Amino acid sequence: MKEYGERVAAQVLAVKTGLILPHDDIAATVAEAVRGIVEDGDIVCVTEAVVARSQNRYLSCEELAEQVKDIFGLKPKSTLAVVYPIASRNRFALVLKAIAMASQGGRVIVAFPVPADEVGNQVIDAELARVRLGLKMLYKHLSSARGSTPYLNILIREVIAALTLQSLGYSIVGMRKILGSGIADITVRTPEGVLAPLEVTFVEHERAARKAVEILEDMPEAGQALAAGVDLGRKEFALFDARRYLEGDREPLRQVSFAEQLSAFAEEEVIHGRELPNEVFCHPITGIDYRRLYSEVIQEAGAQGDVIFTNNPLKVYELGYLDGIVLGEVHNRQERRDLFLALGAKVPVKTLDELGPSPWGVIGSNVSDYEKGILKLLPEDADGTAEQIRKRILKDTGKDVEVLIFGDGAYKDPDTGIYELADPYPALGVSEGMRDLRLRTGKKLKLVVDTLYNKGYSREEIARLVAETREEQSDLGTTPRRLVSIAATLADLLAGSADQGTPIVLVRGIKRD
């Protein structure tokens, strides 16, 4: 690299260390690791994980549960709502376990936003949720209007059929009368992935079966014909294989009562987990069904678990008496809390940084030992620790550097859509020299060069103007960003969270004001 030194403006170097254990001297460890590598002006980035470990920042579920009980003043059989948590086994499952333990055999309601949490983890199929919420809104309006228009019962039966089919694991592809798509009353994809036209009736099953078979002949891509009967009086739904029905086999594929679901069908802003007993949505990357995972975590802690999906967080108030509300978001927690308080919160409302030890509570916590129920918290006094490390590096190596303690980088993956910033900030702590840096701004060099070139300037004139004057440059600048966030994100992307063994990253030559 030395032979290219004049041409290299900036570098990011990952540094290996030995194991860092509780009660280790983190300042001495980092100073020794960078000896002979670090240079004046470097930003020495240290992952929060090893800093917190050296500080022995651990908390058990039992300890957290006791704190939650004290904060909310909980009695046995209490009910708590957890609003918009991050969907993550590593980041939230043990926190949820402690909350469930604090309920002392009570109930925990988990409200997920639709279709993903605040950092982009999908919790429910977006198309399923869109169609279901739309159908529920339509059902509510049709039900309120049908008293004066009996014909609306025909539409109501098709909406009920579609909602029930979704509950049985069928995907709604089209609805001729309602969605204006498809050539059948309902076009579905079966749980096995087979496309099928479906005709809906009240009691004329044979007629519906014959019509479905006729439609099948015009749908070469379909592999099955279905007929469904919706008895609004008895509140029963029956599903038939249309071909087999016409051949004399009248046994339904499925026959269920929707009586207990009608109240849920009328809730146009909420999808209850119990509405979709056979619908398993697995995260496209982790393969985890977070509805099932969180329900199991709650149950294993001795409480009853209910999961809902809604973009109206206040809907938790409609699910029965609550003893407290925990806001699970990291970045939107204050705005969400202000919303609840502005509308007259009926019970205590707490954010995650109010649960557990200061300064961050259990925000940004990770699983340390899942079986034993141990959480690793964020570092204590991250700014002060960064300054201590800086001074130790100066003492041991003679190099004048800045130090940054980093967590998750602020990076949204274009393939998965995940914005993996489950920590409050990318830079959790910095040494004194980096605390007053303003937003990093500047001119877009590529835009300046294009503008000057299009004005007829020569290569030499462009180089001189870029170096000496701003008069000919555009006012359009780069996106303002905090330098510490840029450096922390670079460090996190390079260090990663796998087994690379590089908890220290040197950022060298990056321009800063």
Protein backbone atom coordinates (compact mmCIF):
# COMPACT_ATOMS: atom_id res chain seq x y z
CA MET A 1 0.00 0.00 0.00
CA LYS A 2 2.89 2.38 0.68
CA GLU A 3 3.78 2.75 -3.02
CA TYR A 4 0.26 4.04 -3.64
CA GLY A 5 0.23 6.27 -0.57
CA GLU A 6 -0.14 9.56 -2.42
CA ARG A 7 -3.11 8.26 -4.39
CA VAL A 8 -5.03 6.67 -1.52
CA ALA A 9 -7.22 9.27 0.16
CA ALA A 10 -8.84 7.05 2.77
CA GLN A 11 -8.60 3.53 4.13
CA VAL A 12 -10.62 1.31 6.43
CA LEU A 13 -8.62 -1.41 8.19
CA ALA A 14 -10.01 -4.27 10.29
CA VAL A 15 -7.84 -5.24 13.26
CA LYS A 16 -7.87 -8.64 14.95
CA THR A 17 -7.67 -9.04 18.72
CA GLY A 18 -7.62 -11.87 21.16
CA LEU A 19 -10.66 -12.73 23.24
CA ILE A 20 -12.06 -9.86 25.29
CA LEU A 21 -13.79 -11.07 28.46
CA PRO A 22 -15.67 -9.48 31.36
CA HIS A 23 -13.54 -7.21 33.56
CA ASP A 24 -10.75 -6.93 30.95
CA ASP A 25 -9.12 -3.50 30.63
CA ILE A 26 -10.65 -2.45 27.33
CA ALA A 27 -8.46 0.64 26.96
CA ALA A 28 -5.24 -1.36 27.38
CA THR A 29 -6.53 -4.11 25.09
CA VAL A 30 -7.37 -1.71 22.25
CA ALA A 31 -4.09 0.21 22.62
CA GLU A 32 -2.11 -3.01 22.38
CA ALA A 33 -4.11 -4.25 19.39
CA VAL A 34 -3.46 -1.11 17.30
CA ARG A 35 0.21 -0.71 18.30
CA GLY A 36 2.36 -0.44 15.17
CA ILE A 37 -0.72 -0.02 12.94
CA VAL A 38 -2.39 3.17 14.12
CA GLU A 39 -1.37 6.57 12.77
CA ASP A 40 -2.01 10.13 13.87
CA GLY A 41 -5.48 11.30 12.86
CA ASP A 42 -7.00 7.82 12.63
CA ILE A 43 -10.45 7.13 13.97
CA VAL A 44 -10.20 3.98 16.07
CA CYS A 45 -13.61 2.30 16.03
CA VAL A 46 -14.40 -0.35 18.65
CA THR A 47 -17.55 -2.45 18.54
CA GLU A 48 -19.92 -1.92 21.45
CA ALA A 49 -20.12 -5.69 21.98
CA VAL A 50 -16.60 -6.05 23.35
CA VAL A 51 -16.82 -2.79 25.30
CA ALA A 52 -20.03 -3.93 27.01
CA ARG A 53 -18.54 -7.37 27.66
CA SER A 54 -15.47 -5.86 29.30
CA GLN A 55 -17.83 -3.83 31.51
CA ASN A 56 -19.77 -6.99 32.43
CA ARG A 57 -22.99 -5.42 31.17
CA TYR A 58 -25.33 -8.37 31.53
CA LEU A 59 -28.91 -8.72 32.77
CA SER A 60 -30.99 -11.83 33.37
CA CYS A 61 -34.65 -12.21 32.43
CA GLU A 62 -35.45 -12.69 36.10
CA GLU A 63 -33.81 -9.38 37.00
CA LEU A 64 -35.55 -7.56 34.17
CA ALA A 65 -38.91 -9.11 35.07
CA GLU A 66 -38.58 -7.81 38.63
CA GLN A 67 -37.84 -4.32 37.33
CA VAL A 68 -40.85 -4.44 34.98
CA LYS A 69 -43.09 -5.51 37.87
CA ASP A 70 -41.84 -2.61 39.99
CA ILE A 71 -42.11 -0.01 37.19
CA PHE A 72 -45.73 -0.89 36.38
CA GLY A 73 -46.75 -1.99 39.88
CA LEU A 74 -47.94 -5.32 38.53
CA LYS A 75 -49.98 -7.87 40.43
CA PRO A 76 -50.47 -11.54 39.47
CA LYS A 77 -52.45 -12.12 36.26
CA SER A 78 -51.63 -8.67 34.85
CA THR A 79 -52.07 -7.72 31.20
CA LEU A 80 -49.38 -5.86 29.27
CA ALA A 81 -49.34 -4.65 25.66
CA VAL A 82 -46.09 -4.56 23.70
CA VAL A 83 -46.43 -2.15 20.79
CA TYR A 84 -44.28 -2.42 17.64
CA PRO A 85 -41.28 -4.44 18.86
CA ILE A 86 -38.41 -5.31 16.57
CA ALA A 87 -38.92 -8.77 15.07
CA SER A 88 -35.73 -10.47 16.16
CA ARG A 89 -34.86 -13.51 18.24
CA ASN A 90 -31.53 -11.94 19.12
CA ARG A 91 -32.77 -8.42 19.81
CA PHE A 92 -36.15 -8.88 21.47
CA ALA A 93 -37.16 -12.45 22.33
CA LEU A 94 -35.61 -12.43 25.81
CA VAL A 95 -36.96 -8.94 26.53
CA LEU A 96 -40.42 -10.25 25.66
CA LYS A 97 -39.83 -13.28 27.88
CA ALA A 98 -39.05 -11.01 30.83
CA ILE A 99 -42.18 -8.93 30.16
CA ALA A 100 -44.26 -12.10 30.08
CA MET A 101 -42.66 -13.29 33.32
CA ALA A 102 -43.53 -9.94 34.91
CA SER A 103 -47.22 -10.49 34.08
CA GLN A 104 -47.14 -13.43 36.55
CA GLY A 105 -49.34 -15.77 34.58
CA GLY A 106 -51.29 -12.98 32.93
CA ARG A 107 -51.60 -11.89 29.33
CA VAL A 108 -49.23 -10.19 26.87
CA ILE A 109 -50.53 -8.60 23.67
CA VAL A 110 -47.97 -8.03 20.93
CA ALA A 111 -48.92 -5.49 18.24
CA PHE A 112 -46.89 -5.65 15.03
CA PRO A 113 -47.11 -2.96 12.32
CA VAL A 114 -48.11 -4.00 8.80
CA PRO A 115 -46.20 -5.41 6.98
CA ALA A 116 -42.78 -4.86 8.63
CA ASP A 117 -41.18 -3.57 11.81
CA GLU A 118 -39.31 -0.26 11.97
CA VAL A 119 -36.07 -1.72 10.64
CA GLY A 120 -37.65 -3.57 7.71
CA ASN A 121 -38.19 -7.09 9.06
CA GLN A 122 -41.34 -8.43 7.43
CA VAL A 123 -43.81 -9.85 9.96
CA ILE A 124 -46.75 -10.61 7.66
CA ASP A 125 -47.17 -11.12 3.94
CA ALA A 126 -47.80 -7.67 2.51
CA GLU A 127 -50.28 -8.79 -0.17
CA LEU A 128 -52.23 -10.97 2.26
CA ALA A 129 -52.50 -8.08 4.70
CA ARG A 130 -53.51 -5.59 1.99
CA VAL A 131 -56.26 -7.83 0.66
CA ARG A 132 -57.50 -8.88 4.09
CA LEU A 133 -57.71 -5.37 5.52
CA GLY A 134 -59.49 -4.21 2.36
CA LEU A 135 -62.00 -7.05 2.58
CA LYS A 136 -62.63 -6.35 6.26
CA MET A 137 -63.32 -2.70 5.54
CA LEU A 138 -65.72 -3.72 2.78
CA TYR A 139 -67.44 -6.26 5.05
CA LYS A 140 -68.00 -3.60 7.70
CA HIS A 141 -69.55 -1.17 5.21
CA LEU A 142 -71.70 -3.81 3.50
CA SER A 143 -72.96 -5.12 6.82
CA SER A 144 -74.06 -1.69 7.94
CA ALA A 145 -75.85 -1.03 4.64
CA ARG A 146 -77.51 -4.35 3.86
CA GLY A 147 -80.62 -3.66 5.95
CA SER A 148 -81.99 -1.52 3.16
CA THR A 149 -80.40 -3.47 0.30
CA PRO A 150 -80.80 -7.27 0.65
CA TYR A 151 -78.87 -7.80 -2.61
CA LEU A 152 -75.73 -6.86 -0.68
CA ASN A 153 -75.90 -10.30 0.96
CA ILE A 154 -74.46 -11.70 -2.28
CA LEU A 155 -71.38 -9.52 -1.90
CA ILE A 156 -71.19 -10.19 1.83
CA ARG A 157 -71.12 -13.96 1.28
CA GLU A 158 -68.19 -13.56 -1.14
CA VAL A 159 -66.28 -11.36 1.29
CA ILE A 160 -66.88 -13.86 4.10
CA ALA A 161 -65.80 -16.68 1.79
CA ALA A 162 -62.57 -14.86 0.91
CA LEU A 163 -61.75 -14.02 4.54
CA THR A 164 -62.45 -17.61 5.60
CA LEU A 165 -60.34 -18.98 2.77
CA GLN A 166 -57.43 -16.81 3.89
CA SER A 167 -57.87 -18.22 7.39
CA LEU A 168 -57.53 -21.69 5.88
CA GLY A 169 -54.30 -20.82 4.10
CA TYR A 170 -55.63 -19.95 0.63
CA SER A 171 -54.30 -16.86 -1.16
CA ILE A 172 -56.80 -14.55 -2.84
CA VAL A 173 -55.67 -13.86 -6.40
CA GLY A 174 -58.80 -12.15 -7.75
CA MET A 175 -62.48 -11.42 -7.06
CA ARG A 176 -64.59 -10.66 -10.12
CA LYS A 177 -67.34 -8.58 -8.52
CA ILE A 178 -65.35 -6.98 -5.71
CA LEU A 179 -61.79 -6.52 -6.93
CA GLY A 180 -62.62 -6.43 -10.61
CA SER A 181 -60.08 -9.14 -11.37
CA GLY A 182 -60.48 -12.75 -12.49
CA ILE A 183 -63.35 -14.49 -14.24
CA ALA A 184 -64.67 -16.37 -11.19
CA ASP A 185 -66.34 -15.16 -8.02
CA ILE A 186 -62.97 -15.76 -6.35
CA THR A 187 -59.70 -16.93 -7.83
CA VAL A 188 -57.46 -18.57 -5.26
CA ARG A 189 -54.12 -20.23 -4.92
CA THR A 190 -54.41 -23.27 -2.69
CA PRO A 191 -52.00 -24.00 0.18
CA GLU A 192 -50.36 -26.45 -2.21
CA GLY A 193 -49.79 -23.65 -4.74
CA VAL A 194 -52.50 -24.67 -7.26
CA LEU A 195 -54.42 -21.89 -9.02
CA ALA A 196 -58.18 -22.47 -8.89
CA PRO A 197 -61.41 -20.67 -9.85
CA LEU A 198 -64.01 -20.75 -7.07
CA GLU A 199 -67.72 -20.05 -7.27
CA VAL A 200 -69.66 -19.01 -4.16
CA THR A 201 -73.29 -19.82 -3.36
CA PHE A 202 -75.70 -19.85 -0.46
CA VAL A 203 -77.09 -23.39 -0.90
CA GLU A 204 -76.96 -24.23 -4.64
CA HIS A 205 -73.73 -26.18 -4.42
CA GLU A 206 -74.22 -28.16 -7.63
CA ARG A 207 -74.83 -25.04 -9.68
CA ALA A 208 -71.73 -23.38 -8.24
CA ALA A 209 -69.64 -26.52 -8.87
CA ARG A 210 -70.81 -26.71 -12.52
CA LYS A 211 -69.98 -23.04 -13.08
CA ALA A 212 -66.51 -23.47 -11.53
CA VAL A 213 -65.74 -26.43 -13.82
CA GLU A 214 -66.86 -24.40 -16.83
CA ILE A 215 -64.56 -21.54 -15.83
CA LEU A 216 -61.69 -24.00 -15.33
CA GLU A 217 -61.86 -24.88 -19.03
CA ASP A 218 -61.07 -21.25 -19.85
CA MET A 219 -58.14 -21.12 -17.41
CA PRO A 220 -55.36 -23.36 -18.75
CA GLU A 221 -53.07 -22.14 -15.96
CA ALA A 222 -55.49 -23.41 -13.28
CA GLY A 223 -55.33 -26.95 -11.90
CA GLN A 224 -58.49 -27.27 -9.81
CA ALA A 225 -62.08 -26.00 -9.64
CA LEU A 226 -63.69 -25.20 -6.29
CA ALA A 227 -67.16 -24.35 -4.99
CA ALA A 228 -68.05 -22.81 -1.65
CA GLY A 229 -71.27 -22.53 0.29
CA VAL A 230 -71.79 -19.68 2.76
CA ASP A 231 -74.73 -20.11 5.09
CA LEU A 232 -75.29 -16.67 6.63
CA GLY A 233 -77.96 -17.97 8.97
CA ARG A 234 -76.00 -20.86 10.45
CA LYS A 235 -72.72 -19.01 9.94
CA GLU A 236 -71.09 -22.00 8.27
CA PHE A 237 -68.66 -22.24 5.38
CA ALA A 238 -68.20 -25.36 3.26
CA LEU A 239 -65.56 -25.84 0.55
CA PHE A 240 -65.91 -28.49 -2.18
CA ASP A 241 -63.82 -29.87 -5.01
CA ALA A 242 -66.15 -28.96 -7.89
CA ARG A 243 -65.31 -31.92 -10.17
CA ARG A 244 -65.67 -34.46 -7.38
CA TYR A 245 -68.95 -32.87 -6.29
CA LEU A 246 -70.41 -33.30 -9.78
CA GLU A 247 -69.19 -36.91 -9.81
CA GLY A 248 -71.20 -37.61 -6.66
CA ASP A 249 -68.60 -37.04 -3.91
CA ARG A 250 -70.36 -34.44 -1.75
CA GLU A 251 -67.89 -34.54 1.13
CA PRO A 252 -66.53 -31.03 1.81
CA LEU A 253 -62.80 -30.40 1.65
CA ARG A 254 -63.28 -28.09 4.63
CA GLN A 255 -66.31 -27.18 6.70
CA VAL A 256 -65.99 -24.54 9.42
CA SER A 257 -68.06 -22.12 11.45
CA PHE A 258 -67.26 -18.44 11.06
CA ALA A 259 -69.57 -17.33 13.89
CA GLU A 260 -66.70 -16.44 16.25
CA GLN A 261 -64.82 -14.62 13.46
CA LEU A 262 -67.52 -12.14 12.50
CA SER A 263 -66.50 -9.57 15.10
CA ALA A 264 -62.91 -9.81 13.88
CA PHE A 265 -64.07 -9.53 10.25
CA ALA A 266 -65.58 -6.14 11.14
CA GLU A 267 -62.31 -4.75 12.55
CA GLU A 268 -60.98 -3.08 9.44
CA GLU A 269 -57.70 -1.88 11.03
CA VAL A 270 -56.60 -5.07 12.77
CA ILE A 271 -55.61 -8.59 11.77
CA HIS A 272 -55.72 -10.90 14.79
CA GLY A 273 -53.26 -13.74 14.91
CA ARG A 274 -56.11 -16.11 15.68
CA GLU A 275 -57.73 -15.19 12.36
CA LEU A 276 -54.93 -16.93 10.49
CA PRO A 277 -54.34 -20.18 12.38
CA ASN A 278 -52.96 -21.95 9.33
CA GLU A 279 -51.12 -19.00 7.83
CA VAL A 280 -47.42 -19.21 8.59
CA PHE A 281 -45.40 -16.28 7.35
CA CYS A 282 -41.70 -16.95 7.60
CA HIS A 283 -39.24 -14.07 7.36
CA PRO A 284 -37.68 -14.30 3.87
CA ILE A 285 -34.13 -14.14 5.27
CA THR A 286 -34.19 -15.68 8.75
CA GLY A 287 -36.94 -18.19 8.00
CA ILE A 288 -38.60 -17.38 11.34
CA ASP A 289 -42.34 -16.89 11.81
CA TYR A 290 -42.23 -14.11 14.40
CA ARG A 291 -45.90 -14.40 15.27
CA ARG A 292 -45.34 -18.01 16.28
CA LEU A 293 -41.96 -17.33 17.94
CA TYR A 294 -43.24 -14.51 20.11
CA SER A 295 -46.39 -16.45 21.02
CA GLU A 296 -44.26 -19.40 22.11
CA VAL A 297 -41.90 -17.16 24.11
CA ILE A 298 -44.86 -15.70 26.01
CA GLN A 299 -46.41 -19.10 26.64
CA GLU A 300 -43.12 -20.58 27.85
CA ALA A 301 -42.96 -17.74 30.38
CA GLY A 302 -46.32 -18.82 31.76
CA ALA A 303 -48.54 -16.16 30.19
CA GLN A 304 -51.22 -16.04 27.52
CA GLY A 305 -50.01 -14.50 24.27
CA ASP A 306 -52.03 -12.64 21.63
CA VAL A 307 -50.52 -11.22 18.45
CA ILE A 308 -52.19 -8.61 16.27
CA PHE A 309 -51.13 -6.75 13.14
CA THR A 310 -52.21 -3.12 12.82
CA ASN A 311 -50.95 0.27 11.77
CA ASN A 312 -53.07 1.90 14.48
CA PRO A 313 -51.15 1.30 17.74
CA LEU A 314 -54.05 2.61 19.83
CA LYS A 315 -56.04 -0.50 18.91
CA VAL A 316 -54.42 -2.27 21.88
CA TYR A 317 -56.88 -0.38 24.08
CA GLU A 318 -59.75 -2.29 22.49
CA LEU A 319 -58.44 -5.71 23.53
CA GLY A 320 -59.44 -5.53 27.17
CA TYR A 321 -58.11 -3.94 30.35
CA LEU A 322 -54.38 -3.18 30.31
CA ASP A 323 -52.04 -2.76 33.27
CA GLY A 324 -49.30 -1.18 31.17
CA ILE A 325 -47.94 -0.55 27.68
CA VAL A 326 -44.36 -1.16 26.55
CA LEU A 327 -43.34 0.68 23.37
CA GLY A 328 -40.95 -1.62 21.55
CA GLU A 329 -39.57 0.76 18.93
CA VAL A 330 -36.03 2.08 19.05
CA HIS A 331 -36.05 5.13 16.79
CA ASN A 332 -39.69 6.22 16.96
CA ARG A 333 -40.19 5.60 20.67
CA GLN A 334 -40.52 9.23 21.74
CA GLU A 335 -43.00 10.12 18.99
CA ARG A 336 -45.02 7.01 19.79
CA ARG A 337 -45.00 7.83 23.49
CA ASP A 338 -46.11 11.41 22.74
CA LEU A 339 -49.02 9.99 20.73
CA PHE A 340 -50.24 7.83 23.60
CA LEU A 341 -49.80 10.60 26.15
CA ALA A 342 -51.44 13.23 23.94
CA LEU A 343 -54.54 11.07 23.64
CA GLY A 344 -54.70 10.54 27.38
CA ALA A 345 -52.92 7.28 28.09
CA LYS A 346 -55.12 5.30 30.45
CA VAL A 347 -52.26 3.23 31.90
CA PRO A 348 -48.48 3.69 32.33
CA VAL A 349 -46.61 3.83 29.01
CA LYS A 350 -42.89 3.01 29.02
CA THR A 351 -40.21 2.86 26.34
CA LEU A 352 -37.46 0.24 26.25
CA ASP A 353 -34.81 2.63 27.56
CA GLU A 354 -36.91 2.92 30.72
CA LEU A 355 -36.70 -0.83 31.33
CA GLY A 356 -33.36 -2.00 32.71
CA PRO A 357 -30.20 -0.15 33.78
CA SER A 358 -29.34 3.31 32.47
CA PRO A 359 -28.43 4.83 30.11
CA TRP A 360 -30.19 2.75 27.45
CA GLY A 361 -32.18 0.18 29.39
CA VAL A 362 -32.71 -2.82 27.13
CA ILE A 363 -32.62 -0.90 23.84
CA GLY A 364 -29.90 -2.40 21.68
CA SER A 365 -29.58 -5.45 23.91
CA ASN A 366 -28.53 -8.80 22.47
CA VAL A 367 -28.90 -12.39 23.55
CA SER A 368 -25.85 -13.53 25.50
CA ASP A 369 -27.21 -16.93 26.55
CA TYR A 370 -30.66 -17.85 25.24
CA GLU A 371 -31.12 -20.96 27.34
CA LYS A 372 -30.13 -19.22 30.59
CA GLY A 373 -32.03 -16.07 29.66
CA ILE A 374 -29.08 -13.64 29.78
CA LEU A 375 -29.04 -10.32 27.90
CA LYS A 376 -25.99 -8.26 26.99
CA LEU A 377 -26.73 -4.55 27.28
CA LEU A 378 -25.20 -1.55 25.54
CA PRO A 379 -22.04 -0.08 27.13
CA GLU A 380 -22.13 2.18 30.13
CA ASP A 381 -20.76 5.72 29.65
CA ALA A 382 -19.73 5.09 26.03
CA ASP A 383 -18.39 8.65 25.56
CA GLY A 384 -16.24 8.41 28.67
CA THR A 385 -14.96 4.98 27.68
CA ALA A 386 -14.04 6.23 24.21
CA GLU A 387 -12.04 9.07 25.76
CA GLN A 388 -10.25 6.66 28.09
CA ILE A 389 -9.26 4.49 25.14
CA ARG A 390 -8.02 7.55 23.24
CA LYS A 391 -5.81 8.60 26.14
CA ARG A 392 -4.42 5.10 26.55
CA ILE A 393 -3.54 4.87 22.85
CA LEU A 394 -1.77 8.23 23.07
CA LYS A 395 0.12 7.09 26.16
CA ASP A 396 1.15 3.67 24.83
CA THR A 397 1.79 4.49 21.16
CA GLY A 398 2.29 8.24 21.02
CA LYS A 399 -0.39 8.48 18.32
CA ASP A 400 -3.04 11.20 18.54
CA VAL A 401 -6.32 9.62 17.40
CA GLU A 402 -10.03 9.81 17.97
CA VAL A 403 -12.04 6.85 19.25
CA LEU A 404 -15.57 5.78 18.37
CA ILE A 405 -17.66 2.98 19.86
CA PHE A 406 -19.97 1.62 17.18
CA GLY A 407 -23.12 -0.44 17.06
CA ASP A 408 -25.27 -1.25 14.03
CA GLY A 409 -24.41 0.62 10.87
CA ALA A 410 -27.05 2.82 9.25
CA TYR A 411 -27.36 0.70 6.11
CA LYS A 412 -30.46 -0.52 4.30
CA ASP A 413 -29.89 -3.71 2.35
CA PRO A 414 -31.31 -3.28 -1.18
CA ASP A 415 -32.05 -7.00 -1.53
CA THR A 416 -33.81 -7.71 1.76
CA GLY A 417 -35.13 -4.23 2.56
CA ILE A 418 -33.77 -4.59 6.10
CA TYR A 419 -32.47 -1.45 7.77
CA GLU A 420 -30.43 -3.16 10.46
CA LEU A 421 -30.14 -0.27 12.90
CA ALA A 422 -31.51 -1.87 16.05
CA ASP A 423 -29.23 0.33 18.18
CA PRO A 424 -30.17 3.96 18.93
CA TYR A 425 -27.28 5.32 16.83
CA PRO A 426 -24.44 3.88 14.74
CA ALA A 427 -21.96 5.76 16.98
CA LEU A 428 -22.87 5.08 20.60
CA GLY A 429 -19.92 6.98 22.04
CA VAL A 430 -17.04 9.14 20.81
CA SER A 431 -13.95 10.77 22.28
CA GLU A 432 -13.95 14.49 22.99
CA GLY A 433 -12.54 15.63 19.66
CA MET A 434 -15.50 14.23 17.72
CA ARG A 435 -18.37 15.44 19.90
CA ASP A 436 -18.86 18.83 18.26
CA LEU A 437 -18.46 17.88 14.61
CA ARG A 438 -21.17 19.41 12.47
CA LEU A 439 -22.95 17.62 9.66
CA ARG A 440 -20.61 16.63 6.86
CA THR A 441 -21.57 18.67 3.79
CA GLY A 442 -19.94 19.76 0.58
CA LYS A 443 -20.27 20.07 -3.17
CA LYS A 444 -20.83 17.09 -5.42
CA LEU A 445 -17.52 16.92 -7.26
CA LYS A 446 -19.04 14.91 -10.11
CA LEU A 447 -21.71 17.59 -10.62
CA VAL A 448 -19.14 20.40 -10.50
CA VAL A 449 -16.95 18.71 -13.09
CA ASP A 450 -19.90 18.01 -15.42
CA THR A 451 -21.11 21.61 -15.11
CA LEU A 452 -17.71 23.14 -15.88
CA TYR A 453 -17.06 20.71 -18.74
CA ASN A 454 -20.41 21.58 -20.33
CA LYS A 455 -19.46 25.24 -20.10
CA GLY A 456 -16.43 24.56 -22.27
CA TYR A 457 -13.62 24.61 -19.71
CA SER A 458 -10.50 22.55 -20.46
CA ARG A 459 -9.18 19.79 -18.22
CA GLU A 460 -6.56 22.14 -16.75
CA GLU A 461 -9.11 24.93 -16.14
CA ILE A 462 -11.53 22.52 -14.46
CA ALA A 463 -8.81 21.24 -12.15
CA ARG A 464 -7.79 24.79 -11.24
CA LEU A 465 -11.36 25.96 -10.58
CA VAL A 466 -12.17 22.92 -8.46
CA ALA A 467 -9.08 23.53 -6.37
CA GLU A 468 -9.18 27.35 -6.11
CA THR A 469 -12.69 28.72 -6.38
CA ARG A 470 -16.30 27.97 -5.65
CA GLU A 471 -17.78 30.71 -7.83
CA GLU A 472 -18.54 28.42 -10.77
CA GLN A 473 -19.81 25.53 -8.66
CA SER A 474 -23.42 24.42 -8.25
CA ASP A 475 -25.27 24.98 -5.01
CA LEU A 476 -26.32 21.32 -5.07
CA GLY A 477 -24.37 19.52 -2.37
CA THR A 478 -23.93 16.06 -0.91
CA THR A 479 -26.50 14.66 1.50
CA PRO A 480 -25.66 16.06 4.97
CA ARG A 481 -24.53 13.26 7.28
CA ARG A 482 -22.80 13.02 10.63
CA LEU A 483 -19.19 11.99 10.19
CA VAL A 484 -19.44 9.76 13.25
CA SER A 485 -22.36 7.89 11.65
CA ILE A 486 -20.39 7.43 8.43
CA ALA A 487 -17.34 6.10 10.28
CA ALA A 488 -19.46 3.84 12.49
CA THR A 489 -21.31 2.41 9.49
CA LEU A 490 -18.03 1.74 7.67
CA ALA A 491 -16.73 -0.02 10.77
CA ASP A 492 -19.84 -2.15 11.20
CA LEU A 493 -19.95 -3.17 7.54
CA LEU A 494 -16.30 -4.23 7.62
CA ALA A 495 -16.26 -5.86 11.05
CA GLY A 496 -19.60 -7.60 10.63
CA SER A 497 -21.12 -9.75 13.33
CA ALA A 498 -19.92 -13.16 12.20
CA ASP A 499 -16.63 -14.85 13.09
CA GLN A 500 -14.13 -12.48 11.47
CA GLY A 501 -12.66 -11.60 14.86
CA THR A 502 -12.06 -7.93 14.08
CA PRO A 503 -13.81 -5.86 16.78
CA ILE A 504 -11.54 -2.89 16.02
CA VAL A 505 -11.61 -0.95 12.76
CA LEU A 506 -9.30 1.94 11.82
CA VAL A 507 -10.77 4.65 9.59
CA ARG A 508 -7.90 6.60 8.08
CA GLY A 509 -7.80 9.71 5.93
CA ILE A 510 -11.51 10.46 5.95
CA LYS A 511 -12.13 14.19 5.52
CA ARG A 512 -13.58 15.90 8.59
CA ASP A 513 -14.20 19.48 9.59
